[in-house]
Amino acid sequence: MLDVLFRDEYLIAINKPHGLLVHKSKIAADVEVFALQLLRDQVGQKVFPAHRIDRKTGGVLLFAFDKEIEIAMQKQFAENRVAKKYLAIVRGHTDDRGEIDYPLRKENGTLQDAFTAYQTLERAELDVPFGKHGTSRYSLVEAAPATGRMHQLRKHFAHIFHPIIGDRTHGCNKQNKLFKDKWAMETMLLHACSVEFTHPVTGQMITINAPLQPEFEQVMQLMGWK
């Protein structure tokens, strides 16, 4: 049963678990279970994804109950009029605050502007040797992407040498192996914690928050963070 965070007659939002695809994809053609199908069966009616988040990312995922609302919400996301916040656990100690203004390349080679602001909420230093270091350092960051490029946060934090733990594509394979071997943790520690937008019908400002998934909570406890 999917955790429903918000519902009215036009929109519904769930707290997507890490590892669940939004919908069928050619890249993962062998996958038979995905969020759109599960939610459709759960509520007993068609739903349409208003945006996308990575398969390995957990958190707020918004759907519309008809195509017209889907198109209206997709336009808000495309025009960067939806305020999005994410939580991520990254390697190393990040600055108190930072801005990452680093263009990202599309599959066809075209460069797109990409901007992310972040603030550090917590830091930890574990008594776990890593490489030439006697300890391992990590940070909990809240990230606010002003643009919505594919894998933007994953690429941006890798760009500033603070890759997201569990990111096998853009992250640190040695850190990922450490988490798998020592703590049996393979989840990518990126969570879409909130979205804020103007309701396409009522005009009201809507804020939807998603609590952390159990895997993320487990690592928070490991770090000694509340």
C-alpha atoms as a PDB file:
ATOM      1  CA  MET A   1       0.000   0.000   0.000  1.00  0.00           C
ATOM      2  CA  LEU A   2       1.469   3.333  -1.093  1.00  0.00           C
ATOM      3  CA  ASP A   3       1.584   6.161   1.462  1.00  0.00           C
ATOM      4  CA  VAL A   4      -0.748   8.920   0.200  1.00  0.00           C
ATOM      5  CA  LEU A   5       0.440  12.382   1.287  1.00  0.00           C
ATOM      6  CA  PHE A   6      -2.191  14.561  -0.417  1.00  0.00           C
ATOM      7  CA  ARG A   7      -5.416  14.011  -2.315  1.00  0.00           C
ATOM      8  CA  ASP A   8      -8.248  16.077  -3.698  1.00  0.00           C
ATOM      9  CA  GLU A   9     -10.460  15.605  -6.759  1.00  0.00           C
ATOM     10  CA  TYR A  10      -7.681  16.786  -9.112  1.00  0.00           C
ATOM     11  CA  LEU A  11      -4.339  15.647  -7.679  1.00  0.00           C
ATOM     12  CA  ILE A  12      -2.824  12.918  -5.542  1.00  0.00           C
ATOM     13  CA  ALA A  13       0.706  12.654  -4.118  1.00  0.00           C
ATOM     14  CA  ILE A  14       2.501   9.658  -2.671  1.00  0.00           C
ATOM     15  CA  ASN A  15       5.691   9.073  -0.710  1.00  0.00           C
ATOM     16  CA  LYS A  16       7.509   6.954  -3.302  1.00  0.00           C
ATOM     17  CA  PRO A  17       9.794   4.267  -1.865  1.00  0.00           C
ATOM     18  CA  HIS A  18      13.413   4.129  -3.021  1.00  0.00           C
ATOM     19  CA  GLY A  19      13.814   1.726  -5.943  1.00  0.00           C
ATOM     20  CA  LEU A  20      10.279   2.030  -7.328  1.00  0.00           C
ATOM     21  CA  LEU A  21       9.964   3.139 -10.959  1.00  0.00           C
ATOM     22  CA  VAL A  22       7.431   5.885 -11.719  1.00  0.00           C
ATOM     23  CA  HIS A  23       6.133   4.092 -14.830  1.00  0.00           C
ATOM     24  CA  LYS A  24       7.096   1.571 -17.497  1.00  0.00           C
ATOM     25  CA  SER A  25      10.396   2.326 -19.151  1.00  0.00           C
ATOM     26  CA  LYS A  26      12.390   0.930 -22.071  1.00  0.00           C
ATOM     27  CA  ILE A  27      15.497   1.120 -19.866  1.00  0.00           C
ATOM     28  CA  ALA A  28      13.900  -1.252 -17.342  1.00  0.00           C
ATOM     29  CA  ALA A  29      11.566  -3.226 -19.582  1.00  0.00           C
ATOM     30  CA  ASP A  30      11.778  -6.288 -17.334  1.00  0.00           C
ATOM     31  CA  VAL A  31      10.288  -4.448 -14.333  1.00  0.00           C
ATOM     32  CA  GLU A  32       6.655  -5.353 -13.774  1.00  0.00           C
ATOM     33  CA  VAL A  33       5.801  -3.198 -10.729  1.00  0.00           C
ATOM     34  CA  PHE A  34       5.815   0.597 -10.875  1.00  0.00           C
ATOM     35  CA  ALA A  35       4.242   3.496  -9.010  1.00  0.00           C
ATOM     36  CA  LEU A  36       1.650   4.470 -11.617  1.00  0.00           C
ATOM     37  CA  GLN A  37       0.246   0.934 -11.739  1.00  0.00           C
ATOM     38  CA  LEU A  38       0.238   0.499  -7.954  1.00  0.00           C
ATOM     39  CA  LEU A  39      -1.479   3.837  -7.343  1.00  0.00           C
ATOM     40  CA  ARG A  40      -4.051   3.252 -10.095  1.00  0.00           C
ATOM     41  CA  ASP A  41      -4.990  -0.073  -8.525  1.00  0.00           C
ATOM     42  CA  GLN A  42      -5.005   1.406  -5.015  1.00  0.00           C
ATOM     43  CA  VAL A  43      -7.398   4.286  -5.797  1.00  0.00           C
ATOM     44  CA  GLY A  44      -9.399   2.494  -8.487  1.00  0.00           C
ATOM     45  CA  GLN A  45      -8.997   5.090 -11.239  1.00  0.00           C
ATOM     46  CA  LYS A  46      -6.520   6.323 -13.820  1.00  0.00           C
ATOM     47  CA  VAL A  47      -3.655   8.546 -12.681  1.00  0.00           C
ATOM     48  CA  PHE A  48      -1.163  10.561 -14.742  1.00  0.00           C
ATOM     49  CA  PRO A  49       2.358  11.479 -13.538  1.00  0.00           C
ATOM     50  CA  ALA A  50       2.761  15.238 -13.146  1.00  0.00           C
ATOM     51  CA  HIS A  51       6.562  14.939 -12.931  1.00  0.00           C
ATOM     52  CA  ARG A  52       9.316  12.342 -12.508  1.00  0.00           C
ATOM     53  CA  ILE A  53      11.856  11.452  -9.849  1.00  0.00           C
ATOM     54  CA  ASP A  54      14.624   8.895 -10.215  1.00  0.00           C
ATOM     55  CA  ARG A  55      13.906   5.257  -9.529  1.00  0.00           C
ATOM     56  CA  LYS A  56      16.430   5.243  -6.658  1.00  0.00           C
ATOM     57  CA  THR A  57      15.129   8.514  -5.155  1.00  0.00           C
ATOM     58  CA  GLY A  58      12.382   8.396  -2.518  1.00  0.00           C
ATOM     59  CA  GLY A  59       9.838  11.041  -1.578  1.00  0.00           C
ATOM     60  CA  VAL A  60       7.079  13.229  -2.996  1.00  0.00           C
ATOM     61  CA  LEU A  61       5.660  12.047  -6.314  1.00  0.00           C
ATOM     62  CA  LEU A  62       2.657  13.909  -7.724  1.00  0.00           C
ATOM     63  CA  PHE A  63      -0.043  12.536 -10.030  1.00  0.00           C
ATOM     64  CA  ALA A  64      -3.097  14.070 -11.698  1.00  0.00           C
ATOM     65  CA  PHE A  65      -6.492  12.448 -12.130  1.00  0.00           C
ATOM     66  CA  ASP A  66      -6.943  13.680 -15.722  1.00  0.00           C
ATOM     67  CA  LYS A  67      -4.829  14.752 -18.694  1.00  0.00           C
ATOM     68  CA  GLU A  68      -5.736  18.438 -18.472  1.00  0.00           C
ATOM     69  CA  ILE A  69      -4.457  18.730 -14.898  1.00  0.00           C
ATOM     70  CA  GLU A  70      -1.408  16.612 -15.801  1.00  0.00           C
ATOM     71  CA  ILE A  71      -0.491  19.042 -18.585  1.00  0.00           C
ATOM     72  CA  ALA A  72      -1.028  22.081 -16.330  1.00  0.00           C
ATOM     73  CA  MET A  73       1.221  20.659 -13.608  1.00  0.00           C
ATOM     74  CA  GLN A  74       3.870  19.482 -16.054  1.00  0.00           C
ATOM     75  CA  LYS A  75       4.004  23.049 -17.371  1.00  0.00           C
ATOM     76  CA  GLN A  76       4.617  24.378 -13.853  1.00  0.00           C
ATOM     77  CA  PHE A  77       7.460  21.906 -13.362  1.00  0.00           C
ATOM     78  CA  ALA A  78       8.933  22.680 -16.801  1.00  0.00           C
ATOM     79  CA  GLU A  79       8.852  26.416 -16.107  1.00  0.00           C
ATOM     80  CA  ASN A  80      10.529  25.913 -12.706  1.00  0.00           C
ATOM     81  CA  ARG A  81       7.523  27.335 -10.856  1.00  0.00           C
ATOM     82  CA  VAL A  82       7.426  24.425  -8.398  1.00  0.00           C
ATOM     83  CA  ALA A  83       9.629  24.837  -5.320  1.00  0.00           C
ATOM     84  CA  LYS A  84      11.341  21.514  -4.609  1.00  0.00           C
ATOM     85  CA  LYS A  85      13.457  20.503  -1.642  1.00  0.00           C
ATOM     86  CA  TYR A  86      15.503  17.354  -1.214  1.00  0.00           C
ATOM     87  CA  LEU A  87      17.507  15.793   1.587  1.00  0.00           C
ATOM     88  CA  ALA A  88      20.729  13.979   0.738  1.00  0.00           C
ATOM     89  CA  ILE A  89      23.519  12.294   2.667  1.00  0.00           C
ATOM     90  CA  VAL A  90      26.812  12.982   0.950  1.00  0.00           C
ATOM     91  CA  ARG A  91      30.467  12.140   1.372  1.00  0.00           C
ATOM     92  CA  GLY A  92      32.617  14.617   3.292  1.00  0.00           C
ATOM     93  CA  HIS A  93      31.847  17.806   5.195  1.00  0.00           C
ATOM     94  CA  THR A  94      30.060  20.307   2.978  1.00  0.00           C
ATOM     95  CA  ASP A  95      30.132  24.100   3.412  1.00  0.00           C
ATOM     96  CA  ASP A  96      27.426  25.640   5.605  1.00  0.00           C
ATOM     97  CA  ARG A  97      25.751  26.936   2.452  1.00  0.00           C
ATOM     98  CA  GLY A  98      26.562  26.725  -1.203  1.00  0.00           C
ATOM     99  CA  GLU A  99      25.400  27.325  -4.749  1.00  0.00           C
ATOM    100  CA  ILE A 100      26.185  25.029  -7.651  1.00  0.00           C
ATOM    101  CA  ASP A 101      25.856  26.791 -10.994  1.00  0.00           C
ATOM    102  CA  TYR A 102      27.048  24.127 -13.405  1.00  0.00           C
ATOM    103  CA  PRO A 103      25.483  23.412 -16.826  1.00  0.00           C
ATOM    104  CA  LEU A 104      24.579  19.807 -17.564  1.00  0.00           C
ATOM    105  CA  ARG A 105      24.689  18.057 -20.912  1.00  0.00           C
ATOM    106  CA  LYS A 106      21.632  16.369 -22.430  1.00  0.00           C
ATOM    107  CA  GLU A 107      21.868  13.014 -24.197  1.00  0.00           C
ATOM    108  CA  ASN A 108      22.071  14.829 -27.544  1.00  0.00           C
ATOM    109  CA  GLY A 109      25.077  16.841 -26.329  1.00  0.00           C
ATOM    110  CA  THR A 110      23.256  20.138 -25.739  1.00  0.00           C
ATOM    111  CA  LEU A 111      24.250  22.037 -22.604  1.00  0.00           C
ATOM    112  CA  GLN A 112      21.488  23.203 -20.270  1.00  0.00           C
ATOM    113  CA  ASP A 113      21.735  25.704 -17.430  1.00  0.00           C
ATOM    114  CA  ALA A 114      21.453  23.991 -14.046  1.00  0.00           C
ATOM    115  CA  PHE A 115      21.431  25.647 -10.628  1.00  0.00           C
ATOM    116  CA  THR A 116      21.215  24.148  -7.137  1.00  0.00           C
ATOM    117  CA  ALA A 117      21.347  25.898  -3.765  1.00  0.00           C
ATOM    118  CA  TYR A 118      22.014  23.880  -0.628  1.00  0.00           C
ATOM    119  CA  GLN A 119      22.539  24.206   3.095  1.00  0.00           C
ATOM    120  CA  THR A 120      24.202  21.771   5.487  1.00  0.00           C
ATOM    121  CA  LEU A 121      21.930  20.552   8.268  1.00  0.00           C
ATOM    122  CA  GLU A 122      24.213  18.035  10.005  1.00  0.00           C
ATOM    123  CA  ARG A 123      27.762  16.670   9.889  1.00  0.00           C
ATOM    124  CA  ALA A 124      29.207  13.426  11.223  1.00  0.00           C
ATOM    125  CA  GLU A 125      32.632  11.840  11.559  1.00  0.00           C
ATOM    126  CA  LEU A 126      32.513   8.092  12.111  1.00  0.00           C
ATOM    127  CA  ASP A 127      35.315   6.056  13.615  1.00  0.00           C
ATOM    128  CA  VAL A 128      35.516   4.017  10.425  1.00  0.00           C
ATOM    129  CA  PRO A 129      38.809   4.071   8.464  1.00  0.00           C
ATOM    130  CA  PHE A 130      38.441   4.888   4.799  1.00  0.00           C
ATOM    131  CA  GLY A 131      41.354   4.891   2.357  1.00  0.00           C
ATOM    132  CA  LYS A 132      44.233   6.879   3.819  1.00  0.00           C
ATOM    133  CA  HIS A 133      41.941   8.494   6.405  1.00  0.00           C
ATOM    134  CA  GLY A 134      41.377   7.165   9.902  1.00  0.00           C
ATOM    135  CA  THR A 135      37.728   8.263   9.941  1.00  0.00           C
ATOM    136  CA  SER A 136      34.819   8.738   7.529  1.00  0.00           C
ATOM    137  CA  ARG A 137      33.024  12.084   7.166  1.00  0.00           C
ATOM    138  CA  TYR A 138      29.468  12.701   5.990  1.00  0.00           C
ATOM    139  CA  SER A 139      26.966  15.557   5.731  1.00  0.00           C
ATOM    140  CA  LEU A 140      23.197  15.868   5.604  1.00  0.00           C
ATOM    141  CA  VAL A 141      22.239  18.580   3.133  1.00  0.00           C
ATOM    142  CA  GLU A 142      18.976  20.199   2.123  1.00  0.00           C
ATOM    143  CA  ALA A 143      19.087  20.960  -1.596  1.00  0.00           C
ATOM    144  CA  ALA A 144      16.804  23.233  -3.590  1.00  0.00           C
ATOM    145  CA  PRO A 145      17.218  22.767  -7.353  1.00  0.00           C
ATOM    146  CA  ALA A 146      16.072  25.856  -9.250  1.00  0.00           C
ATOM    147  CA  THR A 147      16.067  23.856 -12.478  1.00  0.00           C
ATOM    148  CA  GLY A 148      14.907  20.320 -13.165  1.00  0.00           C
ATOM    149  CA  ARG A 149      17.602  18.599 -15.207  1.00  0.00           C
ATOM    150  CA  MET A 150      18.000  14.830 -15.342  1.00  0.00           C
ATOM    151  CA  HIS A 151      20.050  13.576 -12.363  1.00  0.00           C
ATOM    152  CA  GLN A 152      20.770  17.230 -11.512  1.00  0.00           C
ATOM    153  CA  LEU A 153      21.438  16.801  -7.787  1.00  0.00           C
ATOM    154  CA  ARG A 154      23.426  13.614  -8.313  1.00  0.00           C
ATOM    155  CA  LYS A 155      25.649  15.282 -10.902  1.00  0.00           C
ATOM    156  CA  HIS A 156      25.948  18.571  -9.016  1.00  0.00           C
ATOM    157  CA  PHE A 157      27.080  17.044  -5.719  1.00  0.00           C
ATOM    158  CA  ALA A 158      29.515  14.802  -7.570  1.00  0.00           C
ATOM    159  CA  HIS A 159      30.828  17.935  -9.308  1.00  0.00           C
ATOM    160  CA  ILE A 160      31.735  19.561  -5.958  1.00  0.00           C
ATOM    161  CA  PHE A 161      33.320  16.285  -4.747  1.00  0.00           C
ATOM    162  CA  HIS A 162      30.551  15.480  -2.260  1.00  0.00           C
ATOM    163  CA  PRO A 163      28.768  12.627  -4.082  1.00  0.00           C
ATOM    164  CA  ILE A 164      25.501  11.248  -2.755  1.00  0.00           C
ATOM    165  CA  ILE A 165      25.917   7.971  -0.892  1.00  0.00           C
ATOM    166  CA  GLY A 166      24.481   5.034  -2.828  1.00  0.00           C
ATOM    167  CA  ASP A 167      24.645   6.736  -6.233  1.00  0.00           C
ATOM    168  CA  ARG A 168      26.262   4.062  -8.384  1.00  0.00           C
ATOM    169  CA  THR A 169      26.247   6.138 -11.583  1.00  0.00           C
ATOM    170  CA  HIS A 170      27.675   9.457 -10.398  1.00  0.00           C
ATOM    171  CA  GLY A 171      28.856   8.644  -6.869  1.00  0.00           C
ATOM    172  CA  CYS A 172      31.892   7.122  -5.174  1.00  0.00           C
ATOM    173  CA  ASN A 173      32.066   3.371  -5.749  1.00  0.00           C
ATOM    174  CA  LYS A 174      34.428   2.855  -2.783  1.00  0.00           C
ATOM    175  CA  GLN A 175      31.990   4.617  -0.417  1.00  0.00           C
ATOM    176  CA  ASN A 176      29.079   2.676  -1.853  1.00  0.00           C
ATOM    177  CA  LYS A 177      30.976  -0.572  -1.274  1.00  0.00           C
ATOM    178  CA  LEU A 178      31.725   0.482   2.314  1.00  0.00           C
ATOM    179  CA  PHE A 179      28.034   1.059   3.018  1.00  0.00           C
ATOM    180  CA  LYS A 180      27.091  -2.251   1.396  1.00  0.00           C
ATOM    181  CA  ASP A 181      29.760  -4.319   3.147  1.00  0.00           C
ATOM    182  CA  LYS A 182      29.627  -2.712   6.607  1.00  0.00           C
ATOM    183  CA  TRP A 183      25.960  -1.752   6.955  1.00  0.00           C
ATOM    184  CA  ALA A 184      24.195  -3.776   4.201  1.00  0.00           C
ATOM    185  CA  MET A 185      22.981  -0.477   2.730  1.00  0.00           C
ATOM    186  CA  GLU A 186      22.588  -0.055  -1.038  1.00  0.00           C
ATOM    187  CA  THR A 187      19.862   2.623  -1.102  1.00  0.00           C
ATOM    188  CA  MET A 188      20.693   5.947  -2.755  1.00  0.00           C
ATOM    189  CA  LEU A 189      20.320   8.464   0.062  1.00  0.00           C
ATOM    190  CA  LEU A 190      18.365  11.123  -1.806  1.00  0.00           C
ATOM    191  CA  HIS A 191      14.846  12.036  -0.673  1.00  0.00           C
ATOM    192  CA  ALA A 192      12.362  14.466  -2.250  1.00  0.00           C
ATOM    193  CA  CYS A 193      11.098  15.942   1.010  1.00  0.00           C
ATOM    194  CA  SER A 194       8.740  18.673  -0.234  1.00  0.00           C
ATOM    195  CA  VAL A 195       7.096  20.394  -3.190  1.00  0.00           C
ATOM    196  CA  GLU A 196       5.245  23.698  -3.193  1.00  0.00           C
ATOM    197  CA  PHE A 197       3.104  24.855  -6.109  1.00  0.00           C
ATOM    198  CA  THR A 198       0.016  26.788  -7.151  1.00  0.00           C
ATOM    199  CA  HIS A 199      -2.992  24.498  -7.466  1.00  0.00           C
ATOM    200  CA  PRO A 200      -3.976  24.531 -11.171  1.00  0.00           C
ATOM    201  CA  VAL A 201      -7.713  24.736 -10.389  1.00  0.00           C
ATOM    202  CA  THR A 202      -8.173  26.465  -7.021  1.00  0.00           C
ATOM    203  CA  GLY A 203      -5.173  28.798  -7.244  1.00  0.00           C
ATOM    204  CA  GLN A 204      -4.185  27.971  -3.656  1.00  0.00           C
ATOM    205  CA  MET A 205      -0.576  27.441  -2.648  1.00  0.00           C
ATOM    206  CA  ILE A 206      -0.103  23.750  -1.865  1.00  0.00           C
ATOM    207  CA  THR A 207       2.814  22.372   0.150  1.00  0.00           C
ATOM    208  CA  ILE A 208       3.323  18.612   0.335  1.00  0.00           C
ATOM    209  CA  ASN A 209       5.899  17.125   2.711  1.00  0.00           C
ATOM    210  CA  ALA A 210       7.143  13.529   2.726  1.00  0.00           C
ATOM    211  CA  PRO A 211       8.631  11.812   5.787  1.00  0.00           C
ATOM    212  CA  LEU A 212      11.858   9.889   5.319  1.00  0.00           C
ATOM    213  CA  GLN A 213      11.777   6.283   4.201  1.00  0.00           C
ATOM    214  CA  PRO A 214      13.077   3.598   6.628  1.00  0.00           C
ATOM    215  CA  GLU A 215      16.418   3.130   4.828  1.00  0.00           C
ATOM    216  CA  PHE A 216      17.202   6.838   5.084  1.00  0.00           C
ATOM    217  CA  GLU A 217      16.146   6.879   8.741  1.00  0.00           C
ATOM    218  CA  GLN A 218      18.471   3.955   9.417  1.00  0.00           C
ATOM    219  CA  VAL A 219      21.494   5.896   8.158  1.00  0.00           C
ATOM    220  CA  MET A 220      20.379   9.016  10.055  1.00  0.00           C
ATOM    221  CA  GLN A 221      20.522   6.956  13.260  1.00  0.00           C
ATOM    222  CA  LEU A 222      23.892   5.542  12.269  1.00  0.00           C
ATOM    223  CA  MET A 223      25.214   9.106  11.942  1.00  0.00           C
ATOM    224  CA  GLY A 224      23.709  10.136  15.279  1.00  0.00           C
ATOM    225  CA  TRP A 225      21.312  12.615  13.666  1.00  0.00           C
ATOM    226  CA  LYS A 226      17.733  13.207  14.787  1.00  0.00           C
END
